[in-house]
């Protein structure tokens, strides 16, 4: 099952029982679709796989589509869906270990996915990455520190 919200207004549930569509990819990102004897030209303008969102143009009209699968629905029911959209203010240790390297400095601007800290746990090195675009406010650890699970490592502005 897949839920689609179009332009933040219309909700559709796609459960596999929809009427057949005749879809041909004319060239990369451009499609010709026939549904109920009607012809549509569709072009994918923007794709964000991480957020499961797309901007498409169908017969000249632009649509923003947000998709949710059963796992997204479960996270929402558990109250965890806002975790990724909320402003992240800190990074905590996901496990106990040894700080092998701190790859950022106070005041540095970092982007989502940038390496922050290298943590050694159970003889493996783990790179902790930045969860959001931010500025480093304070670094609470240093190289060779032994840390505990959930210990505060870095604070963001």
Protein backbone atom coordinates (compact mmCIF):
# COMPACT_ATOMS: atom_id res chain seq x y z
CA UNK A 1 0.00 0.00 0.00
CA UNK A 2 1.19 3.49 -0.87
CA UNK A 3 -0.42 6.82 0.00
CA UNK A 4 0.07 9.83 -2.24
CA UNK A 5 -0.68 13.43 -1.30
CA UNK A 6 -0.89 15.75 -4.29
CA UNK A 7 -0.26 19.50 -3.80
CA UNK A 8 -0.82 19.04 -0.03
CA UNK A 9 -4.56 18.71 -0.72
CA UNK A 10 -5.64 15.47 -2.30
CA UNK A 11 -4.95 12.05 -0.80
CA UNK A 12 -4.88 8.88 -2.87
CA UNK A 13 -4.38 5.31 -1.68
CA UNK A 14 -2.61 3.03 -4.14
CA UNK A 15 -3.14 -0.59 -3.17
CA UNK A 16 -2.41 -2.38 -6.44
CA UNK A 17 -6.06 -2.66 -7.49
CA UNK A 18 -5.99 0.48 -9.64
CA UNK A 19 -7.07 0.30 -13.25
CA UNK A 20 -4.23 -0.47 -15.60
CA UNK A 21 -2.22 2.37 -17.03
CA UNK A 22 -0.40 2.23 -20.33
CA UNK A 23 2.89 4.01 -19.61
CA UNK A 24 5.77 4.48 -22.03
CA UNK A 25 8.97 6.32 -21.14
CA UNK A 26 9.61 8.48 -24.19
CA UNK A 27 13.00 9.61 -22.91
CA UNK A 28 14.60 9.90 -19.50
CA UNK A 29 12.05 11.44 -17.11
CA UNK A 30 9.39 12.01 -19.80
CA UNK A 31 6.42 9.65 -20.09
CA UNK A 32 3.35 9.15 -22.27
CA UNK A 33 0.40 7.72 -20.32
CA UNK A 34 -2.95 6.39 -21.49
CA UNK A 35 -5.67 5.92 -18.85
CA UNK A 36 -9.36 5.37 -19.62
CA UNK A 37 -8.73 6.17 -23.31
CA UNK A 38 -7.25 9.57 -22.40
CA UNK A 39 -3.70 10.59 -23.26
CA UNK A 40 -1.35 12.35 -20.81
CA UNK A 41 2.19 13.68 -21.16
CA UNK A 42 4.14 13.60 -17.89
CA UNK A 43 7.58 14.91 -17.04
CA UNK A 44 9.45 14.37 -13.77
CA UNK A 45 10.88 17.79 -12.86
CA UNK A 46 12.33 17.13 -9.42
CA UNK A 47 12.93 14.02 -7.30
CA UNK A 48 13.83 13.84 -3.61
CA UNK A 49 14.20 10.14 -2.78
CA UNK A 50 15.02 10.81 0.86
CA UNK A 51 11.77 12.70 1.45
CA UNK A 52 9.85 10.58 -1.08
CA UNK A 53 8.64 13.67 -2.90
CA UNK A 54 8.38 14.50 -6.58
CA UNK A 55 7.46 17.46 -8.74
CA UNK A 56 5.89 16.45 -12.04
CA UNK A 57 4.25 18.23 -14.91
CA UNK A 58 1.22 16.52 -16.48
CA UNK A 59 -0.21 18.11 -19.64
CA UNK A 60 1.33 21.45 -18.64
CA UNK A 61 0.11 21.43 -15.00
CA UNK A 62 2.64 21.13 -12.15
CA UNK A 63 1.98 18.76 -9.23
CA UNK A 64 3.92 18.11 -6.04
CA UNK A 65 3.54 14.54 -4.83
CA UNK A 66 4.47 13.24 -1.38
CA UNK A 67 4.49 9.45 -0.97
CA UNK A 68 4.11 7.41 2.23
CA UNK A 69 4.42 3.67 2.57
CA UNK A 70 3.34 1.45 5.46
CA UNK A 71 6.59 2.15 7.32
CA UNK A 72 6.12 5.92 7.11
CA UNK A 73 2.59 5.43 8.45
CA UNK A 74 3.91 3.34 11.35
CA UNK A 75 6.52 5.98 12.25
CA UNK A 76 3.80 8.62 12.18
CA UNK A 77 1.59 6.53 14.51
CA UNK A 78 4.53 6.13 16.89
CA UNK A 79 5.08 9.89 16.87
CA UNK A 80 8.48 9.62 15.21
CA UNK A 81 7.65 11.23 11.87
CA UNK A 82 8.47 14.72 13.11
CA UNK A 83 11.91 13.63 14.31
CA UNK A 84 13.53 14.23 10.94
CA UNK A 85 11.72 17.52 10.29
CA UNK A 86 12.36 18.97 13.74
CA UNK A 87 15.42 21.20 14.11
CA UNK A 88 18.22 19.02 15.47
CA UNK A 89 20.15 20.74 18.26
CA UNK A 90 22.59 17.99 19.30
CA UNK A 91 24.23 14.68 18.48
CA UNK A 92 24.44 11.98 21.13
CA UNK A 93 26.47 8.79 21.12
CA UNK A 94 24.51 5.88 19.64
CA UNK A 95 26.72 3.42 21.56
CA UNK A 96 29.57 3.39 24.09
CA UNK A 97 33.05 3.63 22.64
CA UNK A 98 36.28 5.53 22.13
CA UNK A 99 36.53 8.84 20.25
CA UNK A 100 39.11 8.24 17.51
CA UNK A 101 38.73 11.58 15.75
CA UNK A 102 36.70 14.79 15.92
CA UNK A 103 36.36 16.14 12.38
CA UNK A 104 34.73 19.52 13.09
CA UNK A 105 35.51 22.72 14.99
CA UNK A 106 33.33 25.13 16.98
CA UNK A 107 31.71 27.70 14.69
CA UNK A 108 32.10 25.54 11.59
CA UNK A 109 29.16 25.34 9.19
CA UNK A 110 28.30 21.72 8.38
CA UNK A 111 25.91 20.13 5.91
CA UNK A 112 23.66 17.14 6.35
CA UNK A 113 25.78 14.00 5.91
CA UNK A 114 29.13 15.61 6.80
CA UNK A 115 31.37 13.52 9.08
CA UNK A 116 31.43 14.82 12.66
CA UNK A 117 33.08 12.20 14.86
CA UNK A 118 34.80 8.86 14.39
CA UNK A 119 33.82 6.50 17.18
CA UNK A 120 35.43 3.12 17.79
CA UNK A 121 33.09 0.53 19.26
CA UNK A 122 33.59 -3.24 19.38
CA UNK A 123 36.81 -2.91 17.31
CA UNK A 124 34.96 -1.13 14.49
CA UNK A 125 35.21 2.51 13.50
CA UNK A 126 31.88 4.29 13.02
CA UNK A 127 31.60 7.70 11.43
CA UNK A 128 28.83 9.76 13.00
CA UNK A 129 27.37 12.09 10.39
CA UNK A 130 25.55 15.38 10.72
CA UNK A 131 21.75 14.91 10.69
CA UNK A 132 21.04 18.43 9.34
CA UNK A 133 22.61 21.61 7.99
CA UNK A 134 23.87 23.50 11.04
CA UNK A 135 26.61 25.44 12.76
CA UNK A 136 28.72 23.79 15.48
CA UNK A 137 27.96 25.48 18.81
CA UNK A 138 29.95 23.29 21.21
CA UNK A 139 31.97 20.08 21.10
CA UNK A 140 31.58 18.16 24.35
CA UNK A 141 34.23 15.47 23.69
CA UNK A 142 37.81 15.24 22.46
CA UNK A 143 40.00 12.65 20.82
CA UNK A 144 40.71 9.57 23.01
CA UNK A 145 37.69 10.19 25.30
CA UNK A 146 35.76 7.12 26.38
CA UNK A 147 32.05 7.80 26.01
CA UNK A 148 28.81 6.18 27.09
CA UNK A 149 25.66 5.55 25.09
CA UNK A 150 23.48 8.70 24.78
CA UNK A 151 26.32 10.94 25.97
CA UNK A 152 26.13 14.42 24.42
CA UNK A 153 28.82 14.81 21.76
CA UNK A 154 28.08 17.96 19.76
CA UNK A 155 25.62 20.86 20.10
CA UNK A 156 24.38 22.92 17.14
CA UNK A 157 23.21 26.54 16.89
